[in-house]
Amino acid sequence: MGESEGWRSADPRWGWLLAGGLALLLAVRVVALRANATDLFFDEAQYWSWSLEPALGYYSKPPMVAWLIRLATDQCGMGEFCVRLPSPIVHTLTAGAVAVLARWLYDRRTAALAGLAFATLPGVSLSAGIISTDVPLLFAWAVALVALVGLIETRASWPAALLGLALGFGLNAKYAMAWFLLCLGVYLAATPERRGLLRDGRLWAGIGLGALLIVPNLSWNARHSFATFAHTADNAKWHGSLLNPLKALEFFASQFGVFGPVMLAALIAITWRAYKQGLPPADRLLLAFSLPVLVLITLQAFVSRAHPNWAAVSYVAATVLVTATLVRDVSWSWLKASFAIHLTLVAALGIATAYAGRLVPPVGSDPFARTLGWREMAEATRREIAAARASGRPYAAVLTDDRSITAELLYYMRDEPTRVVTWFPGGRPTDHYELTRPHTAAVGDPVLYVTLDRNSEPVLAQFEDRDPLGVRQIPTGRSSRRAVAFYRLSGYIRK
């Protein structure tokens, strides 16, 4: 590995292309984010609500995404643009780290093309318009790979420190960072000449530092009945039927949309070539950090389910591997086709989010329906609160029975003094709000119950007085609605 001669002799203009391309792409994404007409998705609103109370952990995720949001909103403000702003910035940094990785392993040309390829992946383009735990996770994964190559290529101490920081940062973003150690094991098993790394104290120092940095979050979990671990286990849904070939096929098909059709087809071809002919050392390293997670998540989909983004870390190394292979094989037409597809999607996403909710889709439902109508729901709730206050019978709190409603009301009514609480039927909490703001008798009467009205009877049955205030049909685009029901409840009788 480490084609240093190619590195030194490569045309330096590739570096300028990378810097200019990433800067332009970041500018386009920031402008698109400013024009974005969607409301915060309820996961985004939930992460924002976490950021108001900085902690070492939260119910369903480690704390990094909340810390990033808090950093952004303290400097920028509380609007949707500011909440999401870390995403395009961090993705740009990740693309830079991908380029550094490719430069270590190949040359400047491959580095520039790999960095730009990663920055324009369909999954990255979609992620750059929202804030999620994958944003810091992918950055940490890319930096950890750079550190690992540094351990292999040098005798310096900095790679150990960088590896530890990256592992700790990544684990505090999402526990999926632990897949890195699995991939490292696969790489060492497949590469006997690299097993001496296991005797390198720098590797263990880096892993030890990473473990040390996740200890505060583990301590938070221990104090909260290991809530995040329980949620992670629930999310896997290893119950019921454990044979779902259609789910596995659906997940695998979705990866053509996440990684791009040309890129994924090339990765499949490279994997087949590796099986038949073997791979050069650098390619073997990258395949070891691409294939295992993709295979395991496909198996997870087969036995239960898997969201398209669950294998996202695979595509950090895979981007470099595919780009390097296409450059080496002089497959410029395929590389150009991939860039053309991905750049078209960048433009399409920017336009689509700017006009979200204002156009009628030619077929099917509005793809942005799940991210629209939440502001209007909050305004309808405000009107009910104001009417009760004006009549001299103010509400003690707003009661919800759904995490999405709780998160959205907390965000879009953030200047409303009336407290928002959530229904907690007892037992083990199943979301962050059941853990931190459950409804109890101490809340008082009356409460304004806001529900999607899917199964409200268990809540209504716990109050003596139930006054329906009507169902509002909240627009979620030009062709869809969300039914939200309002009740005035008092006389809480639950023991």
Protein backbone atom coordinates (compact mmCIF):
# COMPACT_ATOMS: atom_id res chain seq x y z
CA MET A 1 0.00 0.00 0.00
CA GLY A 2 0.97 3.64 -0.13
CA GLU A 3 1.94 4.36 -3.74
CA SER A 4 4.08 7.29 -2.67
CA GLU A 5 5.72 7.74 -6.05
CA GLY A 6 2.34 8.16 -7.71
CA TRP A 7 1.40 10.53 -4.92
CA ARG A 8 4.40 12.76 -5.52
CA SER A 9 4.26 12.70 -9.31
CA ALA A 10 0.52 13.26 -9.69
CA ASP A 11 -0.68 16.53 -11.17
CA PRO A 12 -1.31 18.96 -8.26
CA ARG A 13 -4.29 20.37 -10.13
CA TRP A 14 -6.27 17.37 -8.85
CA GLY A 15 -6.01 18.87 -5.39
CA TRP A 16 -7.46 22.14 -6.61
CA LEU A 17 -10.26 20.23 -8.36
CA LEU A 18 -11.12 18.48 -5.10
CA ALA A 19 -11.06 21.65 -3.01
CA GLY A 20 -13.03 23.65 -5.57
CA GLY A 21 -15.55 20.88 -6.16
CA LEU A 22 -16.23 20.32 -2.45
CA ALA A 23 -16.49 24.06 -1.79
CA LEU A 24 -18.96 24.51 -4.65
CA LEU A 25 -21.00 21.51 -3.58
CA LEU A 26 -21.12 22.78 0.01
CA ALA A 27 -22.28 26.20 -1.18
CA VAL A 28 -25.03 24.62 -3.30
CA ARG A 29 -26.18 22.49 -0.38
CA VAL A 30 -26.23 25.40 2.05
CA VAL A 31 -28.32 27.44 -0.40
CA ALA A 32 -30.64 24.45 -0.92
CA LEU A 33 -30.93 24.05 2.85
CA ARG A 34 -31.94 27.69 3.19
CA ALA A 35 -34.61 27.18 0.53
CA ASN A 36 -35.79 23.85 1.97
CA ALA A 37 -39.57 24.01 2.53
CA THR A 38 -39.92 20.83 4.58
CA ASP A 39 -40.59 20.81 8.31
CA LEU A 40 -38.24 18.98 10.61
CA PHE A 41 -38.85 15.24 10.44
CA PHE A 42 -39.81 13.98 13.89
CA ASP A 43 -36.40 12.33 14.42
CA GLU A 44 -34.77 15.68 13.69
CA ALA A 45 -37.16 17.46 16.06
CA GLN A 46 -36.40 14.86 18.72
CA TYR A 47 -32.64 15.37 18.36
CA TRP A 48 -33.21 19.12 18.66
CA SER A 49 -35.17 18.63 21.89
CA TRP A 50 -32.30 16.55 23.25
CA SER A 51 -29.90 19.39 22.46
CA LEU A 52 -31.74 21.65 24.92
CA GLU A 53 -30.53 19.43 27.76
CA PRO A 54 -26.96 18.36 26.92
CA ALA A 55 -26.32 14.94 28.41
CA LEU A 56 -24.00 11.97 28.06
CA GLY A 57 -26.74 9.86 26.53
CA TYR A 58 -30.34 9.76 25.39
CA TYR A 59 -32.94 7.03 25.14
CA SER A 60 -32.36 5.79 21.60
CA LYS A 61 -28.95 7.16 20.59
CA PRO A 62 -25.62 8.30 22.01
CA PRO A 63 -25.25 12.07 22.42
CA MET A 64 -23.12 13.30 19.49
CA VAL A 65 -25.96 14.38 17.20
CA ALA A 66 -27.52 16.45 19.99
CA TRP A 67 -24.16 18.06 20.76
CA LEU A 68 -23.71 19.01 17.09
CA ILE A 69 -27.17 20.56 16.96
CA ARG A 70 -26.53 22.51 20.16
CA LEU A 71 -23.25 23.82 18.75
CA ALA A 72 -25.03 24.95 15.57
CA THR A 73 -28.11 26.48 17.19
CA ASP A 74 -26.08 28.37 19.80
CA GLN A 75 -24.28 30.13 16.96
CA CYS A 76 -26.98 30.27 14.29
CA GLY A 77 -30.45 30.15 15.81
CA MET A 78 -33.29 27.69 16.25
CA GLY A 79 -34.70 27.54 12.72
CA GLU A 80 -34.77 24.40 10.61
CA PHE A 81 -31.84 25.69 8.57
CA CYS A 82 -29.63 26.00 11.67
CA VAL A 83 -30.67 22.64 13.11
CA ARG A 84 -29.67 20.92 9.86
CA LEU A 85 -26.62 23.05 9.05
CA PRO A 86 -24.04 20.66 10.59
CA SER A 87 -25.00 18.01 8.06
CA PRO A 88 -23.62 19.47 4.81
CA ILE A 89 -20.57 20.81 6.66
CA VAL A 90 -19.67 17.48 8.28
CA HIS A 91 -20.34 15.55 5.06
CA THR A 92 -17.87 17.86 3.31
CA LEU A 93 -15.28 17.10 5.98
CA THR A 94 -15.98 13.41 5.53
CA ALA A 95 -15.40 13.70 1.79
CA GLY A 96 -12.08 15.36 2.60
CA ALA A 97 -11.15 12.45 4.89
CA VAL A 98 -12.11 9.99 2.12
CA ALA A 99 -9.77 11.87 -0.22
CA VAL A 100 -6.95 11.67 2.35
CA LEU A 101 -7.54 7.91 2.62
CA ALA A 102 -7.38 7.51 -1.15
CA ARG A 103 -4.26 9.65 -1.31
CA TRP A 104 -2.51 7.41 1.23
CA LEU A 105 -3.44 4.28 -0.72
CA TYR A 106 -3.23 5.45 -4.34
CA ASP A 107 -2.52 8.91 -5.81
CA ARG A 108 -3.82 12.46 -6.03
CA ARG A 109 -6.05 11.78 -9.01
CA THR A 110 -7.80 8.90 -7.25
CA ALA A 111 -7.99 10.98 -4.07
CA ALA A 112 -9.72 13.87 -5.81
CA LEU A 113 -12.15 11.66 -7.67
CA ALA A 114 -12.93 9.52 -4.61
CA GLY A 115 -13.57 12.58 -2.44
CA LEU A 116 -15.93 14.06 -5.02
CA ALA A 117 -17.56 10.67 -5.62
CA PHE A 118 -18.34 10.29 -1.92
CA ALA A 119 -19.65 13.85 -1.63
CA THR A 120 -22.11 13.20 -4.47
CA LEU A 121 -23.33 9.72 -3.48
CA PRO A 122 -27.15 9.63 -3.50
CA GLY A 123 -27.26 8.66 0.17
CA VAL A 124 -24.96 11.52 1.11
CA SER A 125 -26.96 14.00 -0.98
CA LEU A 126 -30.14 12.96 0.82
CA SER A 127 -28.43 12.98 4.23
CA ALA A 128 -26.93 16.44 3.61
CA GLY A 129 -30.45 17.90 3.73
CA ILE A 130 -31.35 16.45 7.13
CA ILE A 131 -29.62 16.01 10.48
CA SER A 132 -29.10 12.42 11.62
CA THR A 133 -26.73 10.21 13.58
CA ASP A 134 -25.18 8.95 10.34
CA VAL A 135 -23.63 12.37 9.70
CA PRO A 136 -21.01 12.23 12.50
CA LEU A 137 -20.75 8.43 12.21
CA LEU A 138 -19.52 8.51 8.61
CA PHE A 139 -16.99 11.21 9.45
CA ALA A 140 -15.62 9.16 12.33
CA TRP A 141 -15.45 6.02 10.17
CA ALA A 142 -13.48 7.81 7.44
CA VAL A 143 -11.04 9.33 9.94
CA ALA A 144 -10.57 5.95 11.65
CA LEU A 145 -9.65 4.41 8.29
CA VAL A 146 -7.08 7.14 7.71
CA ALA A 147 -5.66 6.43 11.18
CA LEU A 148 -5.52 2.70 10.50
CA VAL A 149 -3.58 3.22 7.27
CA GLY A 150 -1.29 5.54 9.21
CA LEU A 151 -0.63 2.74 11.70
CA ILE A 152 0.24 0.39 8.85
CA GLU A 153 2.36 2.82 6.85
CA THR A 154 4.27 4.65 9.61
CA ARG A 155 5.82 4.12 13.02
CA ALA A 156 4.51 7.46 14.28
CA SER A 157 2.31 7.79 17.36
CA TRP A 158 -0.27 10.16 15.89
CA PRO A 159 -2.29 7.39 14.15
CA ALA A 160 -2.98 5.76 17.54
CA ALA A 161 -4.32 9.02 18.98
CA LEU A 162 -6.34 9.71 15.84
CA LEU A 163 -7.79 6.19 15.82
CA GLY A 164 -8.83 6.48 19.45
CA LEU A 165 -10.47 9.86 18.94
CA ALA A 166 -12.28 8.63 15.83
CA LEU A 167 -13.53 5.48 17.53
CA GLY A 168 -14.70 7.44 20.56
CA PHE A 169 -16.35 10.13 18.44
CA GLY A 170 -18.03 7.49 16.28
CA LEU A 171 -19.32 5.40 19.20
CA ASN A 172 -20.77 8.55 20.74
CA ALA A 173 -22.52 9.18 17.41
CA LYS A 174 -23.90 5.69 16.86
CA TYR A 175 -23.05 2.26 18.19
CA ALA A 176 -22.66 1.06 14.60
CA MET A 177 -19.09 2.38 14.88
CA ALA A 178 -18.33 -0.93 16.59
CA TRP A 179 -18.54 -2.57 13.16
CA PHE A 180 -15.12 -1.02 12.54
CA LEU A 181 -13.48 -3.56 14.84
CA LEU A 182 -15.31 -6.41 13.09
CA CYS A 183 -14.04 -5.20 9.73
CA LEU A 184 -10.54 -4.92 11.15
CA GLY A 185 -10.77 -8.53 12.27
CA VAL A 186 -11.90 -9.61 8.79
CA TYR A 187 -9.01 -7.70 7.22
CA LEU A 188 -6.40 -9.26 9.49
CA ALA A 189 -7.88 -12.74 8.98
CA ALA A 190 -7.69 -12.28 5.20
CA THR A 191 -4.22 -10.69 5.26
CA PRO A 192 -1.72 -12.81 7.20
CA GLU A 193 1.17 -10.43 6.50
CA ARG A 194 -0.66 -7.70 8.44
CA ARG A 195 -1.34 -9.73 11.59
CA GLY A 196 1.75 -8.23 13.17
CA LEU A 197 -0.50 -5.21 13.76
CA LEU A 198 -1.99 -7.20 16.64
CA ARG A 199 1.37 -6.94 18.40
CA ASP A 200 1.55 -3.20 17.83
CA GLY A 201 0.90 -1.35 21.07
CA ARG A 202 -0.28 1.69 19.13
CA LEU A 203 -3.32 -0.24 17.85
CA TRP A 204 -4.34 -1.24 21.35
CA ALA A 205 -3.68 2.25 22.66
CA GLY A 206 -6.03 3.63 20.01
CA ILE A 207 -8.72 1.06 20.77
CA GLY A 208 -8.28 1.72 24.49
CA LEU A 209 -8.71 5.46 24.01
CA GLY A 210 -11.85 4.86 21.96
CA ALA A 211 -13.25 2.60 24.68
CA LEU A 212 -12.42 5.22 27.32
CA LEU A 213 -14.32 7.90 25.41
CA ILE A 214 -17.53 5.83 25.33
CA VAL A 215 -17.41 5.08 29.08
CA PRO A 216 -19.40 8.24 30.04
CA ASN A 217 -22.23 7.15 27.75
CA LEU A 218 -22.12 3.63 29.15
CA SER A 219 -22.30 5.12 32.64
CA TRP A 220 -25.38 7.14 31.60
CA ASN A 221 -26.95 3.94 30.27
CA ALA A 222 -26.22 2.11 33.50
CA ARG A 223 -28.08 4.82 35.40
CA HIS A 224 -31.05 4.57 33.02
CA SER A 225 -31.52 0.79 32.84
CA PHE A 226 -29.42 0.59 29.65
CA ALA A 227 -32.17 2.32 27.71
CA THR A 228 -30.15 2.81 24.52
CA PHE A 229 -29.14 -0.83 24.40
CA ALA A 230 -32.73 -1.93 24.94
CA HIS A 231 -33.88 0.36 22.12
CA THR A 232 -31.17 -1.00 19.81
CA ALA A 233 -32.31 -4.55 20.54
CA ASP A 234 -35.95 -3.58 19.95
CA ASN A 235 -35.00 -1.95 16.66
CA ALA A 236 -33.55 -5.21 15.37
CA LYS A 237 -36.98 -6.87 15.85
CA TRP A 238 -35.66 -10.40 16.23
CA HIS A 239 -39.06 -11.91 16.90
CA GLY A 240 -41.87 -13.32 14.82
CA SER A 241 -41.02 -14.79 11.44
CA LEU A 242 -37.26 -15.01 10.91
CA LEU A 243 -37.40 -15.77 7.21
CA ASN A 244 -38.03 -12.66 5.12
CA PRO A 245 -36.33 -13.08 1.74
CA LEU A 246 -38.39 -10.26 0.25
CA LYS A 247 -37.16 -7.90 2.98
CA ALA A 248 -33.57 -8.87 2.21
CA LEU A 249 -34.17 -8.29 -1.50
CA GLU A 250 -35.85 -4.96 -0.76
CA PHE A 251 -32.91 -3.85 1.38
CA PHE A 252 -30.33 -4.89 -1.20
CA ALA A 253 -32.25 -3.14 -3.98
CA SER A 254 -32.35 0.01 -1.87
CA GLN A 255 -28.56 0.07 -1.81
CA PHE A 256 -28.52 0.93 -5.52
CA GLY A 257 -30.25 4.13 -4.43
CA VAL A 258 -27.92 4.74 -1.48
CA PHE A 259 -24.58 4.05 -3.21
CA GLY A 260 -25.66 4.68 -6.79
CA PRO A 261 -26.34 2.11 -9.54
CA VAL A 262 -22.92 2.31 -11.20
CA MET A 263 -21.02 2.29 -7.92
CA LEU A 264 -22.87 -0.69 -6.46
CA ALA A 265 -22.67 -2.67 -9.70
CA ALA A 266 -18.93 -2.01 -9.75
CA LEU A 267 -18.60 -3.10 -6.11
CA ILE A 268 -20.35 -6.37 -6.93
CA ALA A 269 -18.01 -6.91 -9.87
CA ILE A 270 -14.97 -6.15 -7.71
CA THR A 271 -16.17 -8.62 -5.09
CA TRP A 272 -16.51 -11.32 -7.74
CA ARG A 273 -13.05 -10.51 -9.07
CA ALA A 274 -11.64 -10.75 -5.55
CA TYR A 275 -13.17 -14.19 -5.16
CA LYS A 276 -11.78 -15.41 -8.48
CA GLN A 277 -8.42 -13.62 -8.69
CA GLY A 278 -7.62 -11.93 -5.39
CA LEU A 279 -6.93 -8.24 -4.89
CA PRO A 280 -3.93 -5.93 -4.40
CA PRO A 281 -3.21 -5.08 -0.73
CA ALA A 282 -4.88 -1.66 -0.76
CA ASP A 283 -7.98 -3.01 -2.47
CA ARG A 284 -8.17 -5.88 0.03
CA LEU A 285 -8.15 -3.45 2.94
CA LEU A 286 -10.95 -1.41 1.43
CA LEU A 287 -13.06 -4.45 0.59
CA ALA A 288 -12.68 -5.69 4.16
CA PHE A 289 -14.16 -2.42 5.39
CA SER A 290 -16.95 -2.47 2.78
CA LEU A 291 -18.35 -5.95 2.37
CA PRO A 292 -18.81 -7.38 5.91
CA VAL A 293 -21.29 -4.75 7.13
CA LEU A 294 -23.25 -4.86 3.88
CA VAL A 295 -23.53 -8.65 4.09
CA LEU A 296 -24.49 -8.64 7.78
CA ILE A 297 -27.16 -5.98 7.37
CA THR A 298 -28.59 -7.89 4.40
CA LEU A 299 -28.79 -10.95 6.67
CA GLN A 300 -30.46 -8.76 9.31
CA ALA A 301 -33.05 -7.78 6.71
CA PHE A 302 -33.53 -11.46 5.88
CA VAL A 303 -34.32 -12.41 9.49
CA SER A 304 -36.23 -9.24 10.35
CA ARG A 305 -35.84 -5.85 8.68
CA ALA A 306 -33.21 -3.22 7.89
CA HIS A 307 -33.42 0.43 6.94
CA PRO A 308 -31.52 1.48 3.80
CA ASN A 309 -29.01 3.58 5.78
CA TRP A 310 -27.96 0.80 8.16
CA ALA A 311 -25.04 -0.23 5.94
CA ALA A 312 -23.95 3.35 5.21
CA VAL A 313 -20.48 2.91 6.75
CA SER A 314 -19.71 0.32 4.04
CA TYR A 315 -19.61 3.01 1.40
CA VAL A 316 -16.75 5.06 2.86
CA ALA A 317 -14.14 2.47 1.90
CA ALA A 318 -16.24 1.21 -1.03
CA THR A 319 -16.17 4.65 -2.66
CA VAL A 320 -12.38 4.67 -2.66
CA LEU A 321 -12.22 1.05 -3.84
CA VAL A 322 -14.64 1.52 -6.73
CA THR A 323 -13.09 4.83 -7.81
CA ALA A 324 -9.55 3.42 -7.73
CA THR A 325 -10.64 0.37 -9.72
CA LEU A 326 -12.43 2.38 -12.39
CA VAL A 327 -9.41 4.69 -12.72
CA ARG A 328 -7.00 1.76 -12.89
CA ASP A 329 -9.16 -0.04 -15.45
CA VAL A 330 -9.55 3.19 -17.45
CA SER A 331 -13.32 2.88 -17.17
CA TRP A 332 -13.84 6.60 -17.57
CA SER A 333 -17.23 6.26 -19.25
CA TRP A 334 -18.65 4.45 -16.21
CA LEU A 335 -17.14 6.95 -13.81
CA LYS A 336 -18.51 9.85 -15.82
CA ALA A 337 -21.93 8.19 -15.98
CA SER A 338 -21.90 7.77 -12.21
CA PHE A 339 -21.02 11.43 -11.64
CA ALA A 340 -23.70 12.52 -14.11
CA ILE A 341 -26.38 10.51 -12.31
CA HIS A 342 -25.32 11.71 -8.89
CA LEU A 343 -25.00 15.38 -9.82
CA THR A 344 -28.41 15.28 -11.45
CA LEU A 345 -29.78 13.96 -8.17
CA VAL A 346 -28.06 16.78 -6.24
CA ALA A 347 -29.91 19.31 -8.39
CA ALA A 348 -33.19 17.39 -8.28
CA LEU A 349 -33.15 17.12 -4.49
CA GLY A 350 -32.42 20.82 -4.12
CA ILE A 351 -35.33 21.78 -6.37
CA ALA A 352 -37.69 19.18 -4.90
CA THR A 353 -37.15 20.25 -1.29
CA ALA A 354 -37.53 23.91 -2.22
CA TYR A 355 -40.95 23.17 -3.73
CA ALA A 356 -41.99 20.51 -1.21
CA GLY A 357 -45.71 20.60 -0.58
CA ARG A 358 -46.40 22.96 -3.48
CA LEU A 359 -46.52 20.48 -6.33
CA VAL A 360 -48.85 17.56 -7.01
CA PRO A 361 -46.80 14.40 -7.70
CA PRO A 362 -47.68 12.82 -11.07
CA VAL A 363 -48.02 9.39 -9.47
CA GLY A 364 -48.31 8.13 -5.92
CA SER A 365 -48.29 10.19 -2.74
CA ASP A 366 -46.16 13.21 -1.98
CA PRO A 367 -42.68 11.88 -1.03
CA PHE A 368 -42.33 14.73 1.46
CA ALA A 369 -45.66 14.08 3.22
CA ARG A 370 -43.96 12.76 6.38
CA THR A 371 -42.01 16.04 6.69
CA LEU A 372 -44.91 18.41 6.06
CA GLY A 373 -47.83 19.65 8.14
CA TRP A 374 -46.13 19.56 11.54
CA ARG A 375 -45.91 23.35 11.81
CA GLU A 376 -49.63 23.59 10.98
CA MET A 377 -50.42 20.95 13.60
CA ALA A 378 -48.53 22.99 16.19
CA GLU A 379 -50.41 26.15 15.17
CA ALA A 380 -53.73 24.32 15.56
CA THR A 381 -52.61 23.23 19.03
CA ARG A 382 -51.65 26.81 19.89
CA ARG A 383 -55.13 27.98 18.91
CA GLU A 384 -56.73 25.45 21.26
CA ILE A 385 -54.43 26.57 24.10
CA ALA A 386 -55.15 30.24 23.44
CA ALA A 387 -58.91 29.65 23.34
CA ALA A 388 -58.84 27.83 26.67
CA ARG A 389 -56.67 30.54 28.22
CA ALA A 390 -59.01 33.26 26.96
CA SER A 391 -62.01 31.46 28.48
CA GLY A 392 -60.32 31.38 31.88
CA ARG A 393 -59.88 27.60 31.82
CA PRO A 394 -56.24 27.15 30.79
CA TYR A 395 -54.66 23.78 30.25
CA ALA A 396 -52.16 22.40 32.73
CA ALA A 397 -50.33 20.64 29.90
CA VAL A 398 -50.54 19.26 26.39
CA LEU A 399 -50.74 15.46 26.41
CA THR A 400 -49.57 13.33 23.48
CA ASP A 401 -49.43 9.60 22.87
CA ASP A 402 -46.93 9.47 20.03
CA ARG A 403 -43.21 10.30 19.91
CA SER A 404 -43.59 12.10 16.59
CA ILE A 405 -46.25 14.48 17.93
CA THR A 406 -44.29 15.12 21.12
CA ALA A 407 -41.11 15.98 19.25
CA GLU A 408 -42.84 18.20 16.70
CA LEU A 409 -44.84 20.11 19.32
CA LEU A 410 -41.74 20.67 21.41
CA TYR A 411 -39.98 22.18 18.41
CA TYR A 412 -42.77 24.17 16.78
CA MET A 413 -44.22 25.39 20.10
CA ARG A 414 -40.82 26.05 21.66
CA ASP A 415 -41.90 29.51 22.88
CA GLU A 416 -45.21 28.22 24.34
CA PRO A 417 -45.14 28.06 28.17
CA THR A 418 -47.66 25.22 28.39
CA ARG A 419 -45.77 22.03 29.11
CA VAL A 420 -45.86 19.07 26.70
CA VAL A 421 -46.02 15.62 28.31
CA THR A 422 -46.46 12.15 26.87
CA TRP A 423 -48.69 9.26 27.82
CA PHE A 424 -46.79 6.50 29.63
CA PRO A 425 -48.77 3.27 30.12
CA GLY A 426 -46.21 1.89 32.56
CA GLY A 427 -43.52 -0.75 32.36
CA ARG A 428 -40.28 -0.06 30.53
CA PRO A 429 -40.20 3.30 28.67
CA THR A 430 -40.25 2.85 24.90
CA ASP A 431 -39.00 6.31 23.90
CA HIS A 432 -37.10 9.28 25.29
CA TYR A 433 -40.21 11.23 26.25
CA GLU A 434 -41.73 8.38 28.23
CA LEU A 435 -38.42 8.36 30.10
CA THR A 436 -38.11 12.12 30.67
CA ARG A 437 -41.58 13.72 30.51
CA PRO A 438 -44.28 11.15 31.33
CA HIS A 439 -47.79 12.24 32.23
CA THR A 440 -48.53 11.75 35.93
CA ALA A 441 -51.20 12.88 38.35
CA ALA A 442 -48.90 15.72 39.38
CA VAL A 443 -49.37 17.34 35.96
CA GLY A 444 -52.86 18.44 36.97
CA ASP A 445 -56.15 19.04 35.10
CA PRO A 446 -57.27 19.73 32.50
CA VAL A 447 -54.97 18.61 29.69
CA LEU A 448 -55.24 19.14 25.96
CA TYR A 449 -54.90 15.70 24.39
CA VAL A 450 -53.43 15.81 20.87
CA THR A 451 -53.46 12.52 18.99
CA LEU A 452 -53.32 11.04 15.52
CA ASP A 453 -56.47 9.20 16.72
CA ARG A 454 -55.21 5.76 15.74
CA ASN A 455 -55.80 4.13 19.12
CA SER A 456 -56.75 6.80 21.64
CA GLU A 457 -59.20 4.75 23.69
CA PRO A 458 -56.62 3.51 26.26
CA VAL A 459 -55.79 7.14 27.08
CA LEU A 460 -59.38 8.41 27.07
CA ALA A 461 -60.43 5.61 29.40
CA GLN A 462 -58.16 7.02 32.13
CA PHE A 463 -60.05 10.32 32.43
CA GLU A 464 -63.49 10.93 33.88
CA ASP A 465 -64.30 13.90 31.64
CA ARG A 466 -63.58 13.61 27.91
CA ASP A 467 -64.63 16.52 25.74
CA PRO A 468 -63.86 16.05 22.03
CA LEU A 469 -62.80 19.29 20.35
CA GLY A 470 -62.81 18.01 16.80
CA VAL A 471 -60.51 16.49 14.23
CA ARG A 472 -58.35 18.76 12.09
CA GLN A 473 -57.29 17.65 8.62
CA ILE A 474 -53.77 19.02 8.40
CA PRO A 475 -52.40 19.35 4.83
CA THR A 476 -49.18 17.40 4.22
CA GLY A 477 -48.76 18.57 0.65
CA ARG A 478 -51.18 19.31 -2.16
CA SER A 479 -52.69 15.82 -2.25
CA SER A 480 -52.55 14.41 1.30
CA ARG A 481 -53.79 15.13 4.81
CA ARG A 482 -52.95 14.12 8.38
CA ALA A 483 -55.90 13.72 10.74
CA VAL A 484 -55.18 15.15 14.21
CA ALA A 485 -57.78 14.89 16.98
CA PHE A 486 -58.05 17.21 20.00
CA TYR A 487 -59.68 16.45 23.36
CA ARG A 488 -60.08 18.33 26.62
CA LEU A 489 -59.47 15.79 29.38
CA SER A 490 -59.81 16.08 33.14
CA GLY A 491 -60.37 13.81 36.12
CA TYR A 492 -57.31 11.58 35.74
CA ILE A 493 -58.22 8.26 37.42
CA ARG A 494 -55.28 5.99 36.66
CA LYS A 495 -53.73 4.54 39.82
